[in-house]
Amino acid sequence: MQKRILRNFIFTGKNILSKLVFIIKYNFSTLILFELFHKGLALFFIWPSIRYIFDILIKSLHIVYLNMDNFIKVLTNPMSIVLIILSVIILAFYAFLNLPL
């Protein structure tokens, strides 16, 4: 009896692969819907919001393009610090959604 129970907990490569294939086949539509939602969220919300924040930052500092001379100006401006923190919060939210639970 003890050996039979222990045998169920021994994972081999073939056993894990067969369980993975079974789970994917069982939940394929749910998996596809979640991936579409997840990637769509990144494509239509996260990326444009970060880009919009960056554009606001560049326009508020009256910079045409970012180079090493302007980079110090960007990092020392209080408005840019707030916008960078906002960008980090948005990216942290997206990373939180990306965590395997």
PDB file of N, CA and C in Angstrom:
ATOM      1  N   MET A   1       0.831  -1.199   0.000  1.00  0.00           N
ATOM      2  CA  MET A   1       0.000   0.000   0.000  1.00  0.00           C
ATOM      3  C   MET A   1       0.870   1.256   0.000  1.00  0.00           C
ATOM      4  N   GLN A   2       1.899   1.256   0.830  1.00  0.00           N
ATOM      5  CA  GLN A   2       2.792   2.409   0.934  1.00  0.00           C
ATOM      6  C   GLN A   2       3.514   2.663  -0.394  1.00  0.00           C
ATOM      7  N   LYS A   3       3.973   1.596  -1.072  1.00  0.00           N
ATOM      8  CA  LYS A   3       4.678   1.757  -2.335  1.00  0.00           C
ATOM      9  C   LYS A   3       3.766   2.337  -3.412  1.00  0.00           C
ATOM     10  N   ARG A   4       2.517   1.919  -3.411  1.00  0.00           N
ATOM     11  CA  ARG A   4       1.580   2.404  -4.420  1.00  0.00           C
ATOM     12  C   ARG A   4       1.347   3.905  -4.267  1.00  0.00           C
ATOM     13  N   ILE A   5       1.225   4.369  -3.045  1.00  0.00           N
ATOM     14  CA  ILE A   5       1.028   5.800  -2.802  1.00  0.00           C
ATOM     15  C   ILE A   5       2.273   6.573  -3.206  1.00  0.00           C
ATOM     16  N   LEU A   6       3.448   6.068  -2.854  1.00  0.00           N
ATOM     17  CA  LEU A   6       4.683   6.751  -3.210  1.00  0.00           C
ATOM     18  C   LEU A   6       4.910   6.755  -4.716  1.00  0.00           C
ATOM     19  N   ARG A   7       4.475   5.720  -5.399  1.00  0.00           N
ATOM     20  CA  ARG A   7       4.655   5.645  -6.845  1.00  0.00           C
ATOM     21  C   ARG A   7       3.885   6.766  -7.544  1.00  0.00           C
ATOM     22  N   ASN A   8       2.764   7.189  -6.983  1.00  0.00           N
ATOM     23  CA  ASN A   8       1.985   8.271  -7.586  1.00  0.00           C
ATOM     24  C   ASN A   8       2.681   9.621  -7.457  1.00  0.00           C
ATOM     25  N   PHE A   9       3.572   9.765  -6.495  1.00  0.00           N
ATOM     26  CA  PHE A   9       4.252  11.037  -6.286  1.00  0.00           C
ATOM     27  C   PHE A   9       5.588  11.120  -7.001  1.00  0.00           C
ATOM     28  N   ILE A  10       6.040  10.041  -7.601  1.00  0.00           N
ATOM     29  CA  ILE A  10       7.285  10.066  -8.355  1.00  0.00           C
ATOM     30  C   ILE A  10       6.973  10.617  -9.738  1.00  0.00           C
ATOM     31  N   PHE A  11       7.604  11.724 -10.063  1.00  0.00           N
ATOM     32  CA  PHE A  11       7.357  12.367 -11.342  1.00  0.00           C
ATOM     33  C   PHE A  11       8.504  12.067 -12.290  1.00  0.00           C
ATOM     34  N   THR A  12       8.174  11.511 -13.399  1.00  0.00           N
ATOM     35  CA  THR A  12       9.156  11.316 -14.452  1.00  0.00           C
ATOM     36  C   THR A  12       8.862  12.325 -15.550  1.00  0.00           C
ATOM     37  N   GLY A  13       9.797  12.466 -16.459  1.00  0.00           N
ATOM     38  CA  GLY A  13       9.598  13.409 -17.549  1.00  0.00           C
ATOM     39  C   GLY A  13       8.383  13.076 -18.387  1.00  0.00           C
ATOM     40  N   LYS A  14       8.164  11.806 -18.649  1.00  0.00           N
ATOM     41  CA  LYS A  14       7.022  11.388 -19.457  1.00  0.00           C
ATOM     42  C   LYS A  14       5.714  11.648 -18.716  1.00  0.00           C
ATOM     43  N   ASN A  15       5.708  11.418 -17.414  1.00  0.00           N
ATOM     44  CA  ASN A  15       4.508  11.631 -16.612  1.00  0.00           C
ATOM     45  C   ASN A  15       4.132  13.113 -16.582  1.00  0.00           C
ATOM     46  N   ILE A  16       5.106  13.964 -16.386  1.00  0.00           N
ATOM     47  CA  ILE A  16       4.837  15.404 -16.343  1.00  0.00           C
ATOM     48  C   ILE A  16       4.352  15.887 -17.704  1.00  0.00           C
ATOM     49  N   LEU A  17       4.995  15.418 -18.763  1.00  0.00           N
ATOM     50  CA  LEU A  17       4.604  15.832 -20.104  1.00  0.00           C
ATOM     51  C   LEU A  17       3.184  15.380 -20.439  1.00  0.00           C
ATOM     52  N   SER A  18       2.840  14.166 -20.063  1.00  0.00           N
ATOM     53  CA  SER A  18       1.482  13.688 -20.349  1.00  0.00           C
ATOM     54  C   SER A  18       0.445  14.462 -19.546  1.00  0.00           C
ATOM     55  N   LYS A  19       0.761  14.814 -18.299  1.00  0.00           N
ATOM     56  CA  LYS A  19      -0.173  15.625 -17.508  1.00  0.00           C
ATOM     57  C   LYS A  19      -0.313  17.027 -18.095  1.00  0.00           C
ATOM     58  N   LEU A  20       0.795  17.586 -18.586  1.00  0.00           N
ATOM     59  CA  LEU A  20       0.752  18.907 -19.197  1.00  0.00           C
ATOM     60  C   LEU A  20      -0.114  18.900 -20.452  1.00  0.00           C
ATOM     61  N   VAL A  21       0.052  17.903 -21.286  1.00  0.00           N
ATOM     62  CA  VAL A  21      -0.755  17.791 -22.502  1.00  0.00           C
ATOM     63  C   VAL A  21      -2.229  17.627 -22.143  1.00  0.00           C
ATOM     64  N   PHE A  22      -2.524  16.837 -21.127  1.00  0.00           N
ATOM     65  CA  PHE A  22      -3.914  16.651 -20.701  1.00  0.00           C
ATOM     66  C   PHE A  22      -4.517  17.967 -20.216  1.00  0.00           C
ATOM     67  N   ILE A  23      -3.771  18.714 -19.420  1.00  0.00           N
ATOM     68  CA  ILE A  23      -4.287  19.986 -18.898  1.00  0.00           C
ATOM     69  C   ILE A  23      -4.505  20.981 -20.027  1.00  0.00           C
ATOM     70  N   ILE A  24      -3.584  21.028 -20.990  1.00  0.00           N
ATOM     71  CA  ILE A  24      -3.745  21.945 -22.121  1.00  0.00           C
ATOM     72  C   ILE A  24      -4.958  21.555 -22.956  1.00  0.00           C
ATOM     73  N   LYS A  25      -5.147  20.279 -23.209  1.00  0.00           N
ATOM     74  CA  LYS A  25      -6.314  19.843 -23.977  1.00  0.00           C
ATOM     75  C   LYS A  25      -7.606  20.113 -23.221  1.00  0.00           C
ATOM     76  N   TYR A  26      -7.582  19.936 -21.916  1.00  0.00           N
ATOM     77  CA  TYR A  26      -8.786  20.108 -21.106  1.00  0.00           C
ATOM     78  C   TYR A  26      -9.196  21.575 -21.026  1.00  0.00           C
ATOM     79  N   ASN A  27      -8.238  22.475 -20.903  1.00  0.00           N
ATOM     80  CA  ASN A  27      -8.519  23.903 -20.715  1.00  0.00           C
ATOM     81  C   ASN A  27      -8.056  24.748 -21.890  1.00  0.00           C
ATOM     82  N   PHE A  28      -8.066  24.233 -23.096  1.00  0.00           N
ATOM     83  CA  PHE A  28      -7.495  24.959 -24.223  1.00  0.00           C
ATOM     84  C   PHE A  28      -8.224  26.271 -24.494  1.00  0.00           C
ATOM     85  N   SER A  29      -9.545  26.260 -24.489  1.00  0.00           N
ATOM     86  CA  SER A  29     -10.287  27.491 -24.784  1.00  0.00           C
ATOM     87  C   SER A  29     -10.069  28.537 -23.696  1.00  0.00           C
ATOM     88  N   THR A  30     -10.021  28.112 -22.452  1.00  0.00           N
ATOM     89  CA  THR A  30      -9.758  29.046 -21.355  1.00  0.00           C
ATOM     90  C   THR A  30      -8.354  29.621 -21.464  1.00  0.00           C
ATOM     91  N   LEU A  31      -7.406  28.783 -21.813  1.00  0.00           N
ATOM     92  CA  LEU A  31      -6.025  29.231 -21.973  1.00  0.00           C
ATOM     93  C   LEU A  31      -5.903  30.252 -23.093  1.00  0.00           C
ATOM     94  N   ILE A  32      -6.542  29.996 -24.211  1.00  0.00           N
ATOM     95  CA  ILE A  32      -6.493  30.930 -25.339  1.00  0.00           C
ATOM     96  C   ILE A  32      -7.166  32.253 -24.978  1.00  0.00           C
ATOM     97  N   LEU A  33      -8.319  32.195 -24.326  1.00  0.00           N
ATOM     98  CA  LEU A  33      -9.009  33.432 -23.936  1.00  0.00           C
ATOM     99  C   LEU A  33      -8.180  34.251 -22.955  1.00  0.00           C
ATOM    100  N   PHE A  34      -7.549  33.585 -22.000  1.00  0.00           N
ATOM    101  CA  PHE A  34      -6.724  34.308 -21.043  1.00  0.00           C
ATOM    102  C   PHE A  34      -5.520  34.943 -21.732  1.00  0.00           C
ATOM    103  N   GLU A  35      -4.877  34.217 -22.627  1.00  0.00           N
ATOM    104  CA  GLU A  35      -3.714  34.770 -23.328  1.00  0.00           C
ATOM    105  C   GLU A  35      -4.116  35.947 -24.211  1.00  0.00           C
ATOM    106  N   LEU A  36      -5.254  35.846 -24.876  1.00  0.00           N
ATOM    107  CA  LEU A  36      -5.726  36.970 -25.687  1.00  0.00           C
ATOM    108  C   LEU A  36      -6.018  38.188 -24.819  1.00  0.00           C
ATOM    109  N   PHE A  37      -6.647  37.972 -23.668  1.00  0.00           N
ATOM    110  CA  PHE A  37      -6.915  39.079 -22.748  1.00  0.00           C
ATOM    111  C   PHE A  37      -5.611  39.669 -22.226  1.00  0.00           C
ATOM    112  N   HIS A  38      -4.700  38.808 -21.844  1.00  0.00           N
ATOM    113  CA  HIS A  38      -3.436  39.236 -21.250  1.00  0.00           C
ATOM    114  C   HIS A  38      -2.594  40.020 -22.258  1.00  0.00           C
ATOM    115  N   LYS A  39      -2.442  39.506 -23.451  1.00  0.00           N
ATOM    116  CA  LYS A  39      -1.653  40.194 -24.480  1.00  0.00           C
ATOM    117  C   LYS A  39      -2.388  41.425 -24.995  1.00  0.00           C
ATOM    118  N   GLY A  40      -3.712  41.347 -25.056  1.00  0.00           N
ATOM    119  CA  GLY A  40      -4.481  42.512 -25.466  1.00  0.00           C
ATOM    120  C   GLY A  40      -4.379  43.646 -24.467  1.00  0.00           C
ATOM    121  N   LEU A  41      -4.357  43.296 -23.191  1.00  0.00           N
ATOM    122  CA  LEU A  41      -4.172  44.307 -22.154  1.00  0.00           C
ATOM    123  C   LEU A  41      -2.830  45.007 -22.327  1.00  0.00           C
ATOM    124  N   ALA A  42      -1.804  44.242 -22.608  1.00  0.00           N
ATOM    125  CA  ALA A  42      -0.485  44.833 -22.811  1.00  0.00           C
ATOM    126  C   ALA A  42      -0.453  45.683 -24.073  1.00  0.00           C
ATOM    127  N   LEU A  43      -1.070  45.193 -25.128  1.00  0.00           N
ATOM    128  CA  LEU A  43      -1.003  45.884 -26.409  1.00  0.00           C
ATOM    129  C   LEU A  43      -1.844  47.153 -26.434  1.00  0.00           C
ATOM    130  N   PHE A  44      -3.030  47.107 -25.849  1.00  0.00           N
ATOM    131  CA  PHE A  44      -3.949  48.236 -25.957  1.00  0.00           C
ATOM    132  C   PHE A  44      -3.981  49.159 -24.747  1.00  0.00           C
ATOM    133  N   PHE A  45      -3.389  48.754 -23.626  1.00  0.00           N
ATOM    134  CA  PHE A  45      -3.438  49.611 -22.440  1.00  0.00           C
ATOM    135  C   PHE A  45      -2.049  49.943 -21.901  1.00  0.00           C
ATOM    136  N   ILE A  46      -1.252  48.941 -21.639  1.00  0.00           N
ATOM    137  CA  ILE A  46       0.030  49.163 -20.962  1.00  0.00           C
ATOM    138  C   ILE A  46       1.007  49.921 -21.863  1.00  0.00           C
ATOM    139  N   TRP A  47       1.250  49.403 -23.045  1.00  0.00           N
ATOM    140  CA  TRP A  47       2.231  50.030 -23.927  1.00  0.00           C
ATOM    141  C   TRP A  47       1.829  51.465 -24.318  1.00  0.00           C
ATOM    142  N   PRO A  48       0.591  51.736 -24.745  1.00  0.00           N
ATOM    143  CA  PRO A  48       0.237  53.123 -25.072  1.00  0.00           C
ATOM    144  C   PRO A  48       0.292  54.069 -23.874  1.00  0.00           C
ATOM    145  N   SER A  49      -0.052  53.574 -22.687  1.00  0.00           N
ATOM    146  CA  SER A  49       0.004  54.469 -21.528  1.00  0.00           C
ATOM    147  C   SER A  49       1.448  54.825 -21.177  1.00  0.00           C
ATOM    148  N   ILE A  50       2.364  53.870 -21.271  1.00  0.00           N
ATOM    149  CA  ILE A  50       3.776  54.174 -21.011  1.00  0.00           C
ATOM    150  C   ILE A  50       4.311  55.133 -22.072  1.00  0.00           C
ATOM    151  N   ARG A  51       3.933  54.904 -23.309  1.00  0.00           N
ATOM    152  CA  ARG A  51       4.395  55.791 -24.377  1.00  0.00           C
ATOM    153  C   ARG A  51       3.820  57.205 -24.209  1.00  0.00           C
ATOM    154  N   TYR A  52       2.556  57.295 -23.807  1.00  0.00           N
ATOM    155  CA  TYR A  52       1.927  58.600 -23.577  1.00  0.00           C
ATOM    156  C   TYR A  52       2.619  59.341 -22.433  1.00  0.00           C
ATOM    157  N   ILE A  53       2.936  58.631 -21.373  1.00  0.00           N
ATOM    158  CA  ILE A  53       3.647  59.248 -20.247  1.00  0.00           C
ATOM    159  C   ILE A  53       5.017  59.744 -20.694  1.00  0.00           C
ATOM    160  N   PHE A  54       5.713  58.949 -21.499  1.00  0.00           N
ATOM    161  CA  PHE A  54       7.021  59.365 -21.996  1.00  0.00           C
ATOM    162  C   PHE A  54       6.902  60.592 -22.902  1.00  0.00           C
ATOM    163  N   ASP A  55       5.872  60.638 -23.755  1.00  0.00           N
ATOM    164  CA  ASP A  55       5.667  61.805 -24.617  1.00  0.00           C
ATOM    165  C   ASP A  55       5.364  63.056 -23.799  1.00  0.00           C
ATOM    166  N   ILE A  56       4.547  62.920 -22.764  1.00  0.00           N
ATOM    167  CA  ILE A  56       4.267  64.062 -21.884  1.00  0.00           C
ATOM    168  C   ILE A  56       5.551  64.550 -21.224  1.00  0.00           C
ATOM    169  N   LEU A  57       6.355  63.613 -20.791  1.00  0.00           N
ATOM    170  CA  LEU A  57       7.619  63.952 -20.139  1.00  0.00           C
ATOM    171  C   LEU A  57       8.531  64.735 -21.077  1.00  0.00           C
ATOM    172  N   ILE A  58       8.687  64.269 -22.285  1.00  0.00           N
ATOM    173  CA  ILE A  58       9.563  64.936 -23.253  1.00  0.00           C
ATOM    174  C   ILE A  58       9.012  66.314 -23.626  1.00  0.00           C
ATOM    175  N   LYS A  59       7.695  66.417 -23.824  1.00  0.00           N
ATOM    176  CA  LYS A  59       7.105  67.708 -24.189  1.00  0.00           C
ATOM    177  C   LYS A  59       7.159  68.707 -23.038  1.00  0.00           C
ATOM    178  N   SER A  60       6.985  68.241 -21.816  1.00  0.00           N
ATOM    179  CA  SER A  60       7.011  69.168 -20.680  1.00  0.00           C
ATOM    180  C   SER A  60       8.407  69.733 -20.432  1.00  0.00           C
ATOM    181  N   LEU A  61       9.427  68.995 -20.831  1.00  0.00           N
ATOM    182  CA  LEU A  61      10.801  69.479 -20.668  1.00  0.00           C
ATOM    183  C   LEU A  61      11.320  70.206 -21.900  1.00  0.00           C
ATOM    184  N   HIS A  62      10.495  70.309 -22.942  1.00  0.00           N
ATOM    185  CA  HIS A  62      10.861  70.974 -24.196  1.00  0.00           C
ATOM    186  C   HIS A  62      12.125  70.360 -24.792  1.00  0.00           C
ATOM    187  N   ILE A  63      12.115  69.048 -24.871  1.00  0.00           N
ATOM    188  CA  ILE A  63      13.234  68.314 -25.453  1.00  0.00           C
ATOM    189  C   ILE A  63      12.746  67.695 -26.758  1.00  0.00           C
ATOM    190  N   VAL A  64      13.547  67.850 -27.813  1.00  0.00           N
ATOM    191  CA  VAL A  64      13.176  67.274 -29.101  1.00  0.00           C
ATOM    192  C   VAL A  64      13.504  65.787 -29.124  1.00  0.00           C
ATOM    193  N   TYR A  65      14.686  65.430 -28.686  1.00  0.00           N
ATOM    194  CA  TYR A  65      15.075  64.028 -28.591  1.00  0.00           C
ATOM    195  C   TYR A  65      15.943  63.842 -27.357  1.00  0.00           C
ATOM    196  N   LEU A  66      16.019  62.634 -26.895  1.00  0.00           N
ATOM    197  CA  LEU A  66      16.733  62.329 -25.658  1.00  0.00           C
ATOM    198  C   LEU A  66      18.156  61.880 -25.979  1.00  0.00           C
ATOM    199  N   ASN A  67      19.119  62.576 -25.379  1.00  0.00           N
ATOM    200  CA  ASN A  67      20.515  62.166 -25.485  1.00  0.00           C
ATOM    201  C   ASN A  67      21.142  62.237 -24.096  1.00  0.00           C
ATOM    202  N   MET A  68      22.415  61.990 -24.003  1.00  0.00           N
ATOM    203  CA  MET A  68      23.068  61.941 -22.690  1.00  0.00           C
ATOM    204  C   MET A  68      23.079  63.307 -21.999  1.00  0.00           C
ATOM    205  N   ASP A  69      23.122  64.390 -22.757  1.00  0.00           N
ATOM    206  CA  ASP A  69      23.093  65.722 -22.146  1.00  0.00           C
ATOM    207  C   ASP A  69      21.725  66.020 -21.532  1.00  0.00           C
ATOM    208  N   ASN A  70      20.668  65.606 -22.201  1.00  0.00           N
ATOM    209  CA  ASN A  70      19.314  65.845 -21.704  1.00  0.00           C
ATOM    210  C   ASN A  70      18.901  64.847 -20.630  1.00  0.00           C
ATOM    211  N   PHE A  71      19.582  63.736 -20.562  1.00  0.00           N
ATOM    212  CA  PHE A  71      19.190  62.678 -19.643  1.00  0.00           C
ATOM    213  C   PHE A  71      19.274  63.134 -18.186  1.00  0.00           C
ATOM    214  N   ILE A  72      20.306  63.900 -17.850  1.00  0.00           N
ATOM    215  CA  ILE A  72      20.445  64.444 -16.488  1.00  0.00           C
ATOM    216  C   ILE A  72      19.295  65.404 -16.195  1.00  0.00           C
ATOM    217  N   LYS A  73      18.932  66.201 -17.190  1.00  0.00           N
ATOM    218  CA  LYS A  73      17.813  67.133 -17.026  1.00  0.00           C
ATOM    219  C   LYS A  73      16.506  66.379 -16.772  1.00  0.00           C
ATOM    220  N   VAL A  74      16.325  65.268 -17.455  1.00  0.00           N
ATOM    221  CA  VAL A  74      15.115  64.463 -17.283  1.00  0.00           C
ATOM    222  C   VAL A  74      15.071  63.856 -15.890  1.00  0.00           C
ATOM    223  N   LEU A  75      16.181  63.329 -15.428  1.00  0.00           N
ATOM    224  CA  LEU A  75      16.197  62.658 -14.128  1.00  0.00           C
ATOM    225  C   LEU A  75      16.089  63.613 -12.943  1.00  0.00           C
ATOM    226  N   THR A  76      16.447  64.874 -13.125  1.00  0.00           N
ATOM    227  CA  THR A  76      16.405  65.817 -12.003  1.00  0.00           C
ATOM    228  C   THR A  76      15.122  66.646 -11.947  1.00  0.00           C
ATOM    229  N   ASN A  77      14.307  66.588 -12.947  1.00  0.00           N
ATOM    230  CA  ASN A  77      13.065  67.349 -12.957  1.00  0.00           C
ATOM    231  C   ASN A  77      12.020  66.642 -12.086  1.00  0.00           C
ATOM    232  N   PRO A  78      11.347  67.369 -11.170  1.00  0.00           N
ATOM    233  CA  PRO A  78      10.338  66.738 -10.306  1.00  0.00           C
ATOM    234  C   PRO A  78       9.153  66.145 -11.079  1.00  0.00           C
ATOM    235  N   MET A  79       8.750  66.798 -12.153  1.00  0.00           N
ATOM    236  CA  MET A  79       7.649  66.271 -12.970  1.00  0.00           C
ATOM    237  C   MET A  79       8.040  64.927 -13.580  1.00  0.00           C
ATOM    238  N   SER A  80       9.259  64.823 -14.022  1.00  0.00           N
ATOM    239  CA  SER A  80       9.697  63.568 -14.635  1.00  0.00           C
ATOM    240  C   SER A  80       9.797  62.452 -13.604  1.00  0.00           C
ATOM    241  N   ILE A  81      10.176  62.782 -12.387  1.00  0.00           N
ATOM    242  CA  ILE A  81      10.251  61.765 -11.332  1.00  0.00           C
ATOM    243  C   ILE A  81       8.859  61.198 -11.052  1.00  0.00           C
ATOM    244  N   VAL A  82       7.857  62.060 -10.999  1.00  0.00           N
ATOM    245  CA  VAL A  82       6.480  61.605 -10.776  1.00  0.00           C
ATOM    246  C   VAL A  82       6.011  60.725 -11.935  1.00  0.00           C
ATOM    247  N   LEU A  83       6.314  61.128 -13.157  1.00  0.00           N
ATOM    248  CA  LEU A  83       5.892  60.347 -14.317  1.00  0.00           C
ATOM    249  C   LEU A  83       6.642  59.019 -14.412  1.00  0.00           C
ATOM    250  N   ILE A  84       7.897  58.999 -14.027  1.00  0.00           N
ATOM    251  CA  ILE A  84       8.653  57.744 -14.017  1.00  0.00           C
ATOM    252  C   ILE A  84       8.081  56.797 -12.965  1.00  0.00           C
ATOM    253  N   ILE A  85       7.729  57.323 -11.806  1.00  0.00           N
ATOM    254  CA  ILE A  85       7.113  56.484 -10.765  1.00  0.00           C
ATOM    255  C   ILE A  85       5.766  55.944 -11.245  1.00  0.00           C
ATOM    256  N   LEU A  86       4.989  56.770 -11.935  1.00  0.00           N
ATOM    257  CA  LEU A  86       3.717  56.312 -12.497  1.00  0.00           C
ATOM    258  C   LEU A  86       3.937  55.195 -13.521  1.00  0.00           C
ATOM    259  N   SER A  87       4.953  55.335 -14.347  1.00  0.00           N
ATOM    260  CA  SER A  87       5.277  54.284 -15.321  1.00  0.00           C
ATOM    261  C   SER A  87       5.679  52.993 -14.631  1.00  0.00           C
ATOM    262  N   VAL A  88       6.451  53.100 -13.574  1.00  0.00           N
ATOM    263  CA  VAL A  88       6.869  51.907 -12.832  1.00  0.00           C
ATOM    264  C   VAL A  88       5.663  51.227 -12.186  1.00  0.00           C
ATOM    265  N   ILE A  89       4.715  52.001 -11.681  1.00  0.00           N
ATOM    266  CA  ILE A  89       3.507  51.425 -11.082  1.00  0.00           C
ATOM    267  C   ILE A  89       2.688  50.682 -12.137  1.00  0.00           C
ATOM    268  N   ILE A  90       2.558  51.257 -13.320  1.00  0.00           N
ATOM    269  CA  ILE A  90       1.810  50.592 -14.396  1.00  0.00           C
ATOM    270  C   ILE A  90       2.512  49.306 -14.811  1.00  0.00           C
ATOM    271  N   LEU A  91       3.832  49.350 -14.946  1.00  0.00           N
ATOM    272  CA  LEU A  91       4.575  48.139 -15.314  1.00  0.00           C
ATOM    273  C   LEU A  91       4.526  47.091 -14.208  1.00  0.00           C
ATOM    274  N   ALA A  92       4.500  47.524 -12.951  1.00  0.00           N
ATOM    275  CA  ALA A  92       4.392  46.570 -11.844  1.00  0.00           C
ATOM    276  C   ALA A  92       3.026  45.889 -11.856  1.00  0.00           C
ATOM    277  N   PHE A  93       1.986  46.629 -12.194  1.00  0.00           N
ATOM    278  CA  PHE A  93       0.654  46.037 -12.318  1.00  0.00           C
ATOM    279  C   PHE A  93       0.636  44.971 -13.404  1.00  0.00           C
ATOM    280  N   TYR A  94       1.250  45.271 -14.534  1.00  0.00           N
ATOM    281  CA  TYR A  94       1.300  44.294 -15.617  1.00  0.00           C
ATOM    282  C   TYR A  94       2.149  43.085 -15.229  1.00  0.00           C
ATOM    283  N   ALA A  95       3.243  43.312 -14.539  1.00  0.00           N
ATOM    284  CA  ALA A  95       4.086  42.194 -14.089  1.00  0.00           C
ATOM    285  C   ALA A  95       3.342  41.337 -13.074  1.00  0.00           C
ATOM    286  N   PHE A  96       2.522  41.959 -12.234  1.00  0.00           N
ATOM    287  CA  PHE A  96       1.723  41.203 -11.274  1.00  0.00           C
ATOM    288  C   PHE A  96       0.733  40.289 -11.987  1.00  0.00           C
ATOM    289  N   LEU A  97       0.152  40.770 -13.079  1.00  0.00           N
ATOM    290  CA  LEU A  97      -0.759  39.926 -13.857  1.00  0.00           C
ATOM    291  C   LEU A  97      -0.021  38.794 -14.557  1.00  0.00           C
ATOM    292  N   ASN A  98       1.252  38.985 -14.791  1.00  0.00           N
ATOM    293  CA  ASN A  98       2.050  37.996 -15.504  1.00  0.00           C
ATOM    294  C   ASN A  98       2.586  36.904 -14.586  1.00  0.00           C
ATOM    295  N   LEU A  99       2.442  37.055 -13.276  1.00  0.00           N
ATOM    296  CA  LEU A  99       2.961  36.058 -12.339  1.00  0.00           C
ATOM    297  C   LEU A  99       2.168  34.759 -12.419  1.00  0.00           C
ATOM    298  N   PRO A 100       2.861  33.645 -12.411  1.00  0.00           N
ATOM    299  CA  PRO A 100       2.128  32.370 -12.355  1.00  0.00           C
ATOM    300  C   PRO A 100       1.645  32.108 -10.935  1.00  0.00           C
ATOM    301  N   LEU A 101       0.358  31.920 -10.783  1.00  0.00           N
ATOM    302  CA  LEU A 101      -0.197  31.698  -9.449  1.00  0.00           C
ATOM    303  C   LEU A 101      -0.565  30.261  -9.259  1.00  0.00           C
TER     304      LEU A 101
END
